[in-house]
Amino acid sequence: ALLWEALWPRLVWPLAVLGLFLTAAYAEIFALLPAWLHIGLLAGFAIALVGVLVWQFRTFAWPQLPVAQRRLERDSGLAHRPLVALDDRLSAGSDDPATAALWRAHQERMAALLPELRNALPSPGLPNRDPMALRILPILAVTVAVVAAGGWRPDLLQAAVTPHFAPPPPVGFEVWINPPAYTRLAPRLLDALRRRDDI
């Protein structure tokens, strides 16, 4: 639950960037662009995705055991922190039989609470971070674009990530041949592009 609560709010913006890319791909916006602008837009999406991932995960930390224990105790509604009490040790008075007996009794009472531990469902708190629900816009845009394109079409995705360059002009050359004067033949044109001879 703690891991999901830490990950999901950080994944919303990267998923929004991917949603915008899918919307542009299914709306066939890339097909309208010249190749250099197509490459620039792809680079812009890639930079935006990497930048948002770095920005969102700069403060990410894996949940630690004490935090998980406290969360479990709080979700279960248990007082006196039984998980912490079971890990604690007497700092003083361990030689005193009465103190040791009292401590053992306390730990037994805390151990009896363990079957009541319950893990609540994750609560990432997205409504508090996005009160206007802007996170829904990329989902709507992708849905509309996919439906308008006639369903899931991998060919549009492939076209979006492969810029179309115009084929280079064919390479050709023309050669004039002047036969020797004694042949009394007219000059000949050899055209490699058209693959024919002109007189």
N, C-alpha and C. Protein backbone atom coordinates (compact mmCIF):
# COMPACT_ATOMS: atom_id res chain seq x y z
N ALA A 1 0.83 -1.20 0.00
CA ALA A 1 0.00 0.00 0.00
C ALA A 1 0.86 1.25 0.00
N LEU A 2 1.91 1.24 0.81
CA LEU A 2 2.80 2.42 0.86
C LEU A 2 3.52 2.61 -0.47
N LEU A 3 3.94 1.52 -1.08
CA LEU A 3 4.64 1.63 -2.36
C LEU A 3 3.71 2.17 -3.44
N TRP A 4 2.47 1.70 -3.47
CA TRP A 4 1.51 2.19 -4.46
C TRP A 4 1.21 3.67 -4.23
N GLU A 5 1.07 4.05 -2.97
CA GLU A 5 0.80 5.46 -2.66
C GLU A 5 1.97 6.35 -3.03
N ALA A 6 3.17 5.80 -3.01
CA ALA A 6 4.34 6.59 -3.42
C ALA A 6 4.49 6.62 -4.94
N LEU A 7 4.12 5.51 -5.62
CA LEU A 7 4.34 5.42 -7.06
C LEU A 7 3.24 6.09 -7.88
N TRP A 8 1.98 5.83 -7.55
CA TRP A 8 0.90 6.25 -8.43
C TRP A 8 0.85 7.76 -8.67
N PRO A 9 0.95 8.60 -7.63
CA PRO A 9 0.95 10.05 -7.92
C PRO A 9 2.12 10.48 -8.79
N ARG A 10 3.24 9.75 -8.72
CA ARG A 10 4.40 10.11 -9.53
C ARG A 10 4.27 9.62 -10.97
N LEU A 11 3.41 8.63 -11.21
CA LEU A 11 3.25 8.09 -12.55
C LEU A 11 2.19 8.83 -13.37
N VAL A 12 1.39 9.67 -12.73
CA VAL A 12 0.29 10.34 -13.42
C VAL A 12 0.82 11.23 -14.55
N TRP A 13 1.84 12.04 -14.27
CA TRP A 13 2.35 12.96 -15.30
C TRP A 13 3.06 12.23 -16.43
N PRO A 14 3.92 11.23 -16.16
CA PRO A 14 4.48 10.47 -17.29
C PRO A 14 3.41 9.79 -18.14
N LEU A 15 2.37 9.26 -17.50
CA LEU A 15 1.30 8.64 -18.26
C LEU A 15 0.52 9.68 -19.07
N ALA A 16 0.43 10.90 -18.55
CA ALA A 16 -0.22 11.97 -19.31
C ALA A 16 0.57 12.30 -20.58
N VAL A 17 1.91 12.32 -20.48
CA VAL A 17 2.74 12.57 -21.66
C VAL A 17 2.55 11.45 -22.69
N LEU A 18 2.54 10.20 -22.21
CA LEU A 18 2.30 9.07 -23.12
C LEU A 18 0.90 9.16 -23.75
N GLY A 19 -0.08 9.63 -22.96
CA GLY A 19 -1.42 9.79 -23.49
C GLY A 19 -1.48 10.83 -24.60
N LEU A 20 -0.75 11.93 -24.42
CA LEU A 20 -0.71 12.95 -25.47
C LEU A 20 -0.04 12.41 -26.73
N PHE A 21 1.01 11.60 -26.55
CA PHE A 21 1.68 11.00 -27.71
C PHE A 21 0.72 10.07 -28.45
N LEU A 22 -0.01 9.21 -27.70
CA LEU A 22 -0.95 8.30 -28.34
C LEU A 22 -2.06 9.08 -29.06
N THR A 23 -2.50 10.17 -28.45
CA THR A 23 -3.52 10.99 -29.09
C THR A 23 -3.02 11.55 -30.41
N ALA A 24 -1.78 12.08 -30.40
CA ALA A 24 -1.21 12.61 -31.64
C ALA A 24 -1.02 11.52 -32.68
N ALA A 25 -0.63 10.32 -32.24
CA ALA A 25 -0.42 9.22 -33.19
C ALA A 25 -1.74 8.78 -33.82
N TYR A 26 -2.79 8.63 -33.01
CA TYR A 26 -4.07 8.16 -33.55
C TYR A 26 -4.82 9.25 -34.29
N ALA A 27 -4.51 10.50 -34.01
CA ALA A 27 -5.10 11.59 -34.80
C ALA A 27 -4.31 11.81 -36.09
N GLU A 28 -3.26 11.03 -36.29
CA GLU A 28 -2.41 11.07 -37.49
C GLU A 28 -1.80 12.46 -37.70
N ILE A 29 -1.45 13.09 -36.60
CA ILE A 29 -0.80 14.40 -36.69
C ILE A 29 0.60 14.26 -37.28
N PHE A 30 1.28 13.17 -36.94
CA PHE A 30 2.65 12.98 -37.43
C PHE A 30 2.69 12.86 -38.95
N ALA A 31 1.63 12.30 -39.54
CA ALA A 31 1.61 12.12 -40.99
C ALA A 31 1.51 13.46 -41.72
N LEU A 32 1.03 14.49 -41.04
CA LEU A 32 0.89 15.80 -41.67
C LEU A 32 2.17 16.61 -41.64
N LEU A 33 3.17 16.14 -40.91
CA LEU A 33 4.38 16.92 -40.69
C LEU A 33 5.48 16.49 -41.63
N PRO A 34 6.35 17.43 -42.02
CA PRO A 34 7.55 17.02 -42.75
C PRO A 34 8.47 16.22 -41.83
N ALA A 35 9.37 15.49 -42.43
CA ALA A 35 10.20 14.56 -41.66
C ALA A 35 10.98 15.25 -40.56
N TRP A 36 11.56 16.41 -40.82
CA TRP A 36 12.38 17.08 -39.80
C TRP A 36 11.52 17.53 -38.62
N LEU A 37 10.28 17.96 -38.90
CA LEU A 37 9.39 18.36 -37.81
C LEU A 37 8.87 17.15 -37.05
N HIS A 38 8.67 16.05 -37.78
CA HIS A 38 8.27 14.78 -37.16
C HIS A 38 9.33 14.34 -36.15
N ILE A 39 10.60 14.38 -36.56
CA ILE A 39 11.69 14.00 -35.66
C ILE A 39 11.76 14.95 -34.47
N GLY A 40 11.56 16.24 -34.73
CA GLY A 40 11.59 17.21 -33.63
C GLY A 40 10.48 16.96 -32.62
N LEU A 41 9.28 16.61 -33.10
CA LEU A 41 8.17 16.33 -32.19
C LEU A 41 8.42 15.06 -31.39
N LEU A 42 8.97 14.02 -32.05
CA LEU A 42 9.33 12.80 -31.32
C LEU A 42 10.36 13.09 -30.24
N ALA A 43 11.37 13.90 -30.59
CA ALA A 43 12.39 14.26 -29.60
C ALA A 43 11.77 15.05 -28.46
N GLY A 44 10.82 15.94 -28.78
CA GLY A 44 10.14 16.70 -27.73
C GLY A 44 9.38 15.81 -26.77
N PHE A 45 8.67 14.81 -27.30
CA PHE A 45 7.95 13.88 -26.44
C PHE A 45 8.93 13.07 -25.58
N ALA A 46 10.04 12.64 -26.17
CA ALA A 46 11.02 11.85 -25.41
C ALA A 46 11.64 12.70 -24.29
N ILE A 47 12.00 13.93 -24.60
CA ILE A 47 12.59 14.81 -23.59
C ILE A 47 11.57 15.10 -22.49
N ALA A 48 10.32 15.35 -22.88
CA ALA A 48 9.28 15.62 -21.89
C ALA A 48 9.07 14.41 -20.97
N LEU A 49 9.06 13.21 -21.55
CA LEU A 49 8.85 12.01 -20.74
C LEU A 49 9.99 11.80 -19.75
N VAL A 50 11.23 11.92 -20.24
CA VAL A 50 12.39 11.74 -19.35
C VAL A 50 12.40 12.84 -18.29
N GLY A 51 12.13 14.08 -18.69
CA GLY A 51 12.13 15.18 -17.73
C GLY A 51 11.09 15.01 -16.65
N VAL A 52 9.89 14.58 -17.04
CA VAL A 52 8.82 14.39 -16.05
C VAL A 52 9.16 13.23 -15.12
N LEU A 53 9.74 12.15 -15.66
CA LEU A 53 10.13 11.02 -14.80
C LEU A 53 11.18 11.45 -13.78
N VAL A 54 12.19 12.19 -14.24
CA VAL A 54 13.24 12.65 -13.31
C VAL A 54 12.65 13.59 -12.28
N TRP A 55 11.78 14.50 -12.71
CA TRP A 55 11.18 15.47 -11.80
C TRP A 55 10.31 14.78 -10.75
N GLN A 56 9.52 13.78 -11.18
CA GLN A 56 8.60 13.13 -10.25
C GLN A 56 9.32 12.18 -9.29
N PHE A 57 10.39 11.54 -9.76
CA PHE A 57 11.04 10.52 -8.93
C PHE A 57 12.29 11.03 -8.22
N ARG A 58 12.51 12.34 -8.24
CA ARG A 58 13.70 12.87 -7.57
C ARG A 58 13.62 12.69 -6.05
N THR A 59 12.43 12.63 -5.49
CA THR A 59 12.28 12.48 -4.04
C THR A 59 11.71 11.12 -3.65
N PHE A 60 11.68 10.19 -4.62
CA PHE A 60 11.10 8.88 -4.31
C PHE A 60 12.02 8.09 -3.39
N ALA A 61 11.43 7.42 -2.41
CA ALA A 61 12.18 6.54 -1.51
C ALA A 61 11.32 5.31 -1.23
N TRP A 62 11.97 4.16 -1.17
CA TRP A 62 11.24 2.94 -0.86
C TRP A 62 10.72 3.02 0.56
N PRO A 63 9.52 2.51 0.82
CA PRO A 63 8.98 2.53 2.19
C PRO A 63 9.89 1.75 3.14
N GLN A 64 10.12 2.33 4.30
CA GLN A 64 10.97 1.70 5.29
C GLN A 64 10.11 0.92 6.29
N LEU A 65 10.75 -0.04 6.97
CA LEU A 65 10.03 -0.92 7.89
C LEU A 65 9.32 -0.15 9.01
N PRO A 66 9.97 0.82 9.67
CA PRO A 66 9.24 1.54 10.74
C PRO A 66 7.99 2.25 10.24
N VAL A 67 8.07 2.81 9.04
CA VAL A 67 6.90 3.49 8.48
C VAL A 67 5.80 2.47 8.17
N ALA A 68 6.19 1.32 7.63
CA ALA A 68 5.21 0.27 7.33
C ALA A 68 4.57 -0.26 8.60
N GLN A 69 5.37 -0.43 9.65
CA GLN A 69 4.81 -0.89 10.92
C GLN A 69 3.80 0.11 11.48
N ARG A 70 4.17 1.39 11.46
CA ARG A 70 3.27 2.42 11.98
C ARG A 70 1.99 2.47 11.16
N ARG A 71 2.10 2.33 9.84
CA ARG A 71 0.92 2.34 8.99
C ARG A 71 0.01 1.16 9.31
N LEU A 72 0.61 -0.01 9.51
CA LEU A 72 -0.18 -1.20 9.82
C LEU A 72 -0.90 -1.04 11.16
N GLU A 73 -0.21 -0.49 12.14
CA GLU A 73 -0.85 -0.26 13.44
C GLU A 73 -1.98 0.75 13.34
N ARG A 74 -1.76 1.80 12.56
CA ARG A 74 -2.78 2.84 12.42
C ARG A 74 -3.99 2.31 11.65
N ASP A 75 -3.74 1.55 10.56
CA ASP A 75 -4.86 0.98 9.80
C ASP A 75 -5.66 0.00 10.63
N SER A 76 -5.02 -0.67 11.57
CA SER A 76 -5.71 -1.66 12.40
C SER A 76 -6.40 -1.02 13.60
N GLY A 77 -6.13 0.25 13.84
CA GLY A 77 -6.74 0.93 14.98
C GLY A 77 -6.19 0.47 16.32
N LEU A 78 -4.93 0.03 16.32
CA LEU A 78 -4.34 -0.47 17.56
C LEU A 78 -3.56 0.64 18.26
N ALA A 79 -3.75 0.74 19.55
CA ALA A 79 -3.00 1.71 20.34
C ALA A 79 -1.76 1.04 20.91
N HIS A 80 -0.89 1.84 21.47
CA HIS A 80 0.33 1.38 22.18
C HIS A 80 1.36 0.74 21.27
N ARG A 81 1.21 0.83 19.95
CA ARG A 81 2.21 0.39 18.97
C ARG A 81 2.75 -1.01 19.26
N PRO A 82 1.95 -2.04 19.09
CA PRO A 82 2.39 -3.40 19.45
C PRO A 82 3.58 -3.90 18.65
N LEU A 83 3.67 -3.56 17.37
CA LEU A 83 4.81 -4.05 16.58
C LEU A 83 6.13 -3.47 17.07
N VAL A 84 6.10 -2.21 17.46
CA VAL A 84 7.31 -1.59 18.00
C VAL A 84 7.64 -2.19 19.37
N ALA A 85 6.61 -2.43 20.17
CA ALA A 85 6.83 -2.99 21.51
C ALA A 85 7.47 -4.37 21.44
N LEU A 86 7.10 -5.15 20.43
CA LEU A 86 7.67 -6.50 20.32
C LEU A 86 9.14 -6.46 19.91
N ASP A 87 9.56 -5.39 19.26
CA ASP A 87 10.97 -5.26 18.86
C ASP A 87 11.81 -4.57 19.91
N ASP A 88 11.17 -3.93 20.86
CA ASP A 88 11.91 -3.18 21.88
C ASP A 88 12.62 -4.11 22.85
N ARG A 89 13.65 -3.56 23.49
CA ARG A 89 14.39 -4.25 24.54
C ARG A 89 14.47 -3.33 25.76
N LEU A 90 14.56 -3.93 26.90
CA LEU A 90 14.72 -3.13 28.12
C LEU A 90 16.08 -2.45 28.10
N SER A 91 16.07 -1.15 28.29
CA SER A 91 17.35 -0.44 28.33
C SER A 91 17.96 -0.48 29.71
N ALA A 92 17.14 -0.63 30.75
CA ALA A 92 17.65 -0.69 32.12
C ALA A 92 16.71 -1.58 32.92
N GLY A 93 17.26 -2.20 33.96
CA GLY A 93 16.43 -3.01 34.86
C GLY A 93 16.22 -4.42 34.40
N SER A 94 16.98 -4.87 33.39
CA SER A 94 16.79 -6.24 32.93
C SER A 94 17.26 -7.26 33.96
N ASP A 95 18.09 -6.81 34.92
CA ASP A 95 18.55 -7.72 35.98
C ASP A 95 17.51 -7.87 37.08
N ASP A 96 16.57 -6.94 37.13
CA ASP A 96 15.54 -6.98 38.17
C ASP A 96 14.44 -7.94 37.74
N PRO A 97 14.17 -9.01 38.52
CA PRO A 97 13.16 -10.00 38.13
C PRO A 97 11.77 -9.38 37.98
N ALA A 98 11.41 -8.43 38.83
CA ALA A 98 10.08 -7.83 38.75
C ALA A 98 9.93 -7.01 37.46
N THR A 99 10.99 -6.26 37.12
CA THR A 99 10.95 -5.45 35.90
C THR A 99 10.89 -6.36 34.67
N ALA A 100 11.68 -7.42 34.67
CA ALA A 100 11.69 -8.35 33.54
C ALA A 100 10.34 -9.03 33.40
N ALA A 101 9.71 -9.40 34.52
CA ALA A 101 8.39 -10.04 34.46
C ALA A 101 7.34 -9.07 33.93
N LEU A 102 7.41 -7.82 34.37
CA LEU A 102 6.47 -6.80 33.89
C LEU A 102 6.65 -6.58 32.38
N TRP A 103 7.91 -6.56 31.94
CA TRP A 103 8.18 -6.36 30.51
C TRP A 103 7.66 -7.54 29.67
N ARG A 104 7.85 -8.76 30.18
CA ARG A 104 7.35 -9.94 29.47
C ARG A 104 5.82 -9.91 29.39
N ALA A 105 5.18 -9.50 30.46
CA ALA A 105 3.72 -9.41 30.46
C ALA A 105 3.24 -8.38 29.43
N HIS A 106 3.98 -7.25 29.36
CA HIS A 106 3.61 -6.22 28.38
C HIS A 106 3.77 -6.76 26.95
N GLN A 107 4.86 -7.47 26.69
CA GLN A 107 5.06 -8.01 25.34
C GLN A 107 4.04 -9.08 25.00
N GLU A 108 3.64 -9.86 25.99
CA GLU A 108 2.60 -10.87 25.73
C GLU A 108 1.27 -10.21 25.38
N ARG A 109 0.95 -9.11 26.07
CA ARG A 109 -0.27 -8.36 25.75
C ARG A 109 -0.20 -7.79 24.33
N MET A 110 0.97 -7.29 23.94
CA MET A 110 1.12 -6.74 22.59
C MET A 110 1.06 -7.85 21.55
N ALA A 111 1.63 -9.02 21.85
CA ALA A 111 1.58 -10.14 20.91
C ALA A 111 0.15 -10.63 20.72
N ALA A 112 -0.67 -10.52 21.75
CA ALA A 112 -2.07 -10.94 21.64
C ALA A 112 -2.85 -10.04 20.69
N LEU A 113 -2.34 -8.83 20.42
CA LEU A 113 -3.02 -7.91 19.51
C LEU A 113 -2.69 -8.17 18.03
N LEU A 114 -1.67 -8.97 17.77
CA LEU A 114 -1.23 -9.17 16.39
C LEU A 114 -2.30 -9.77 15.47
N PRO A 115 -3.14 -10.69 15.92
CA PRO A 115 -4.18 -11.19 15.00
C PRO A 115 -5.16 -10.10 14.54
N GLU A 116 -5.20 -8.98 15.23
CA GLU A 116 -6.11 -7.91 14.84
C GLU A 116 -5.52 -6.98 13.78
N LEU A 117 -4.28 -7.23 13.36
CA LEU A 117 -3.65 -6.37 12.36
C LEU A 117 -4.38 -6.49 11.02
N ARG A 118 -4.67 -5.36 10.41
CA ARG A 118 -5.33 -5.31 9.12
C ARG A 118 -4.63 -4.29 8.24
N ASN A 119 -4.56 -4.60 6.96
CA ASN A 119 -3.93 -3.68 6.02
C ASN A 119 -5.02 -3.00 5.21
N ALA A 120 -5.12 -1.69 5.29
CA ALA A 120 -6.14 -0.95 4.54
C ALA A 120 -5.70 -0.80 3.08
N LEU A 121 -6.67 -0.51 2.23
CA LEU A 121 -6.37 -0.30 0.82
C LEU A 121 -5.54 0.97 0.64
N PRO A 122 -4.73 1.02 -0.41
CA PRO A 122 -3.93 2.23 -0.65
C PRO A 122 -4.81 3.46 -0.88
N SER A 123 -4.31 4.59 -0.47
CA SER A 123 -5.01 5.87 -0.69
C SER A 123 -3.99 6.89 -1.18
N PRO A 124 -3.76 6.93 -2.52
CA PRO A 124 -2.72 7.83 -3.04
C PRO A 124 -3.01 9.31 -2.85
N GLY A 125 -4.26 9.68 -2.64
CA GLY A 125 -4.59 11.09 -2.41
C GLY A 125 -4.55 11.95 -3.65
N LEU A 126 -4.88 11.37 -4.80
CA LEU A 126 -4.85 12.16 -6.04
C LEU A 126 -5.85 13.31 -6.05
N PRO A 127 -7.06 13.15 -5.50
CA PRO A 127 -7.97 14.30 -5.50
C PRO A 127 -7.41 15.52 -4.78
N ASN A 128 -6.60 15.31 -3.77
CA ASN A 128 -6.00 16.45 -3.07
C ASN A 128 -4.91 17.11 -3.92
N ARG A 129 -4.20 16.32 -4.73
CA ARG A 129 -3.13 16.86 -5.56
C ARG A 129 -3.66 17.45 -6.86
N ASP A 130 -4.79 16.94 -7.33
CA ASP A 130 -5.37 17.39 -8.59
C ASP A 130 -6.86 17.64 -8.38
N PRO A 131 -7.22 18.72 -7.68
CA PRO A 131 -8.64 18.94 -7.35
C PRO A 131 -9.52 19.18 -8.57
N MET A 132 -8.95 19.64 -9.69
CA MET A 132 -9.75 19.89 -10.89
C MET A 132 -9.84 18.66 -11.79
N ALA A 133 -9.26 17.55 -11.37
CA ALA A 133 -9.31 16.27 -12.12
C ALA A 133 -8.77 16.42 -13.54
N LEU A 134 -7.69 17.15 -13.70
CA LEU A 134 -7.08 17.30 -15.03
C LEU A 134 -6.47 16.00 -15.53
N ARG A 135 -6.23 15.07 -14.62
CA ARG A 135 -5.65 13.79 -15.02
C ARG A 135 -6.58 13.00 -15.93
N ILE A 136 -7.86 13.36 -15.96
CA ILE A 136 -8.81 12.65 -16.81
C ILE A 136 -8.68 13.07 -18.27
N LEU A 137 -8.17 14.29 -18.53
CA LEU A 137 -8.13 14.80 -19.90
C LEU A 137 -7.32 13.92 -20.85
N PRO A 138 -6.10 13.47 -20.49
CA PRO A 138 -5.38 12.58 -21.43
C PRO A 138 -6.13 11.27 -21.71
N ILE A 139 -6.82 10.75 -20.69
CA ILE A 139 -7.58 9.51 -20.89
C ILE A 139 -8.70 9.74 -21.90
N LEU A 140 -9.41 10.86 -21.75
CA LEU A 140 -10.48 11.18 -22.69
C LEU A 140 -9.94 11.41 -24.09
N ALA A 141 -8.81 12.12 -24.18
CA ALA A 141 -8.24 12.40 -25.50
C ALA A 141 -7.82 11.12 -26.20
N VAL A 142 -7.17 10.20 -25.49
CA VAL A 142 -6.76 8.92 -26.10
C VAL A 142 -7.99 8.12 -26.52
N THR A 143 -9.01 8.09 -25.66
CA THR A 143 -10.21 7.33 -25.99
C THR A 143 -10.87 7.86 -27.26
N VAL A 144 -11.02 9.17 -27.35
CA VAL A 144 -11.64 9.77 -28.53
C VAL A 144 -10.81 9.49 -29.78
N ALA A 145 -9.47 9.63 -29.67
CA ALA A 145 -8.61 9.41 -30.83
C ALA A 145 -8.66 7.96 -31.31
N VAL A 146 -8.64 7.01 -30.35
CA VAL A 146 -8.68 5.59 -30.73
C VAL A 146 -10.02 5.25 -31.38
N VAL A 147 -11.12 5.75 -30.82
CA VAL A 147 -12.43 5.47 -31.40
C VAL A 147 -12.54 6.09 -32.80
N ALA A 148 -12.06 7.33 -32.95
CA ALA A 148 -12.12 7.99 -34.25
C ALA A 148 -11.26 7.28 -35.29
N ALA A 149 -10.17 6.64 -34.84
CA ALA A 149 -9.30 5.92 -35.78
C ALA A 149 -9.84 4.53 -36.13
N GLY A 150 -10.93 4.14 -35.49
CA GLY A 150 -11.51 2.83 -35.80
C GLY A 150 -11.00 1.71 -34.94
N GLY A 151 -10.49 2.02 -33.78
CA GLY A 151 -10.00 0.98 -32.87
C GLY A 151 -8.49 1.01 -32.76
N TRP A 152 -7.98 0.00 -32.06
CA TRP A 152 -6.53 -0.07 -31.81
C TRP A 152 -5.82 -0.42 -33.10
N ARG A 153 -4.95 0.48 -33.55
CA ARG A 153 -4.26 0.28 -34.84
C ARG A 153 -2.75 0.43 -34.66
N PRO A 154 -2.03 -0.67 -34.60
CA PRO A 154 -0.57 -0.60 -34.45
C PRO A 154 0.11 0.10 -35.62
N ASP A 155 -0.52 0.11 -36.81
CA ASP A 155 0.13 0.76 -37.95
C ASP A 155 0.26 2.27 -37.71
N LEU A 156 -0.69 2.87 -37.00
CA LEU A 156 -0.59 4.30 -36.71
C LEU A 156 0.53 4.57 -35.71
N LEU A 157 0.71 3.66 -34.76
CA LEU A 157 1.82 3.81 -33.80
C LEU A 157 3.15 3.67 -34.51
N GLN A 158 3.23 2.71 -35.42
CA GLN A 158 4.48 2.52 -36.17
C GLN A 158 4.78 3.74 -37.03
N ALA A 159 3.75 4.30 -37.65
CA ALA A 159 3.95 5.50 -38.47
C ALA A 159 4.37 6.68 -37.61
N ALA A 160 3.90 6.71 -36.37
CA ALA A 160 4.24 7.84 -35.49
C ALA A 160 5.71 7.82 -35.07
N VAL A 161 6.29 6.64 -34.96
CA VAL A 161 7.68 6.55 -34.50
C VAL A 161 8.67 6.36 -35.64
N THR A 162 8.18 6.32 -36.87
CA THR A 162 9.09 6.18 -38.02
C THR A 162 8.85 7.35 -38.98
N PRO A 163 9.63 8.39 -38.89
CA PRO A 163 9.47 9.53 -39.80
C PRO A 163 9.63 9.08 -41.25
N HIS A 164 8.81 9.66 -42.12
CA HIS A 164 8.82 9.30 -43.53
C HIS A 164 9.63 10.34 -44.31
N PHE A 165 10.77 9.91 -44.78
CA PHE A 165 11.60 10.79 -45.59
C PHE A 165 11.27 10.55 -47.07
N ALA A 166 11.22 11.62 -47.83
CA ALA A 166 10.99 11.48 -49.27
C ALA A 166 12.16 10.73 -49.88
N PRO A 167 11.88 9.85 -50.83
CA PRO A 167 12.99 9.11 -51.45
C PRO A 167 13.92 10.07 -52.19
N PRO A 168 15.20 9.78 -52.18
CA PRO A 168 16.13 10.68 -52.87
C PRO A 168 15.87 10.63 -54.38
N PRO A 169 16.16 11.69 -55.07
CA PRO A 169 15.96 11.67 -56.52
C PRO A 169 16.87 10.63 -57.15
N PRO A 170 16.39 10.00 -58.19
CA PRO A 170 17.22 8.96 -58.82
C PRO A 170 18.50 9.57 -59.40
N VAL A 171 19.54 8.80 -59.29
CA VAL A 171 20.83 9.25 -59.80
C VAL A 171 20.92 8.87 -61.28
N GLY A 172 21.23 9.83 -62.10
CA GLY A 172 21.35 9.56 -63.52
C GLY A 172 22.45 10.41 -64.14
N PHE A 173 22.80 10.08 -65.32
CA PHE A 173 23.82 10.88 -66.02
C PHE A 173 23.55 10.76 -67.52
N GLU A 174 24.02 11.72 -68.23
CA GLU A 174 23.91 11.72 -69.69
C GLU A 174 25.30 11.76 -70.29
N VAL A 175 25.49 10.95 -71.30
CA VAL A 175 26.80 10.88 -71.97
C VAL A 175 26.57 11.10 -73.46
N TRP A 176 27.29 12.09 -73.98
CA TRP A 176 27.29 12.33 -75.43
C TRP A 176 28.50 11.63 -76.04
N ILE A 177 28.23 10.88 -77.06
CA ILE A 177 29.33 10.21 -77.76
C ILE A 177 29.37 10.76 -79.19
N ASN A 178 30.53 11.28 -79.54
CA ASN A 178 30.76 11.75 -80.91
C ASN A 178 31.56 10.69 -81.67
N PRO A 179 30.90 10.01 -82.58
CA PRO A 179 31.65 9.01 -83.35
C PRO A 179 32.75 9.70 -84.18
N PRO A 180 33.75 8.98 -84.57
CA PRO A 180 34.80 9.58 -85.42
C PRO A 180 34.19 10.14 -86.70
N ALA A 181 34.85 11.16 -87.23
CA ALA A 181 34.32 11.87 -88.41
C ALA A 181 34.18 10.95 -89.61
N TYR A 182 35.07 9.97 -89.74
CA TYR A 182 35.01 9.13 -90.93
C TYR A 182 33.78 8.23 -90.94
N THR A 183 33.12 8.07 -89.74
CA THR A 183 31.91 7.24 -89.70
C THR A 183 30.69 7.98 -90.20
N ARG A 184 30.78 9.31 -90.23
CA ARG A 184 29.69 10.17 -90.66
C ARG A 184 28.38 9.87 -89.89
N LEU A 185 28.51 9.45 -88.63
CA LEU A 185 27.35 9.21 -87.78
C LEU A 185 27.12 10.43 -86.89
N ALA A 186 25.83 10.63 -86.57
CA ALA A 186 25.48 11.76 -85.69
C ALA A 186 25.88 11.43 -84.25
N PRO A 187 26.09 12.47 -83.46
CA PRO A 187 26.38 12.21 -82.03
C PRO A 187 25.23 11.45 -81.38
N ARG A 188 25.60 10.63 -80.40
CA ARG A 188 24.60 9.81 -79.70
C ARG A 188 24.54 10.23 -78.23
N LEU A 189 23.36 10.19 -77.70
CA LEU A 189 23.14 10.52 -76.29
C LEU A 189 22.79 9.23 -75.54
N LEU A 190 23.59 8.93 -74.54
CA LEU A 190 23.30 7.79 -73.67
C LEU A 190 22.74 8.34 -72.35
N ASP A 191 21.48 8.06 -72.07
CA ASP A 191 20.83 8.57 -70.86
C ASP A 191 20.62 7.39 -69.90
N ALA A 192 21.40 7.34 -68.84
CA ALA A 192 21.31 6.22 -67.89
C ALA A 192 20.01 6.26 -67.10
N LEU A 193 19.43 7.45 -66.93
CA LEU A 193 18.21 7.56 -66.15
C LEU A 193 17.02 6.97 -66.89
N ARG A 194 16.89 7.30 -68.17
CA ARG A 194 15.76 6.81 -68.96
C ARG A 194 16.07 5.48 -69.63
N ARG A 195 17.34 5.08 -69.57
CA ARG A 195 17.78 3.79 -70.12
C ARG A 195 17.42 3.67 -71.61
N ARG A 196 17.65 4.74 -72.33
CA ARG A 196 17.43 4.65 -73.76
C ARG A 196 18.43 5.58 -74.46
N ASP A 197 18.59 5.43 -75.71
CA ASP A 197 19.51 6.22 -76.50
C ASP A 197 18.72 7.21 -77.35
N ASP A 198 19.20 8.43 -77.38
CA ASP A 198 18.60 9.42 -78.27
C ASP A 198 19.64 9.80 -79.34
N ILE A 199 19.16 9.99 -80.52
CA ILE A 199 20.07 10.39 -81.60
C ILE A 199 19.92 11.88 -81.81
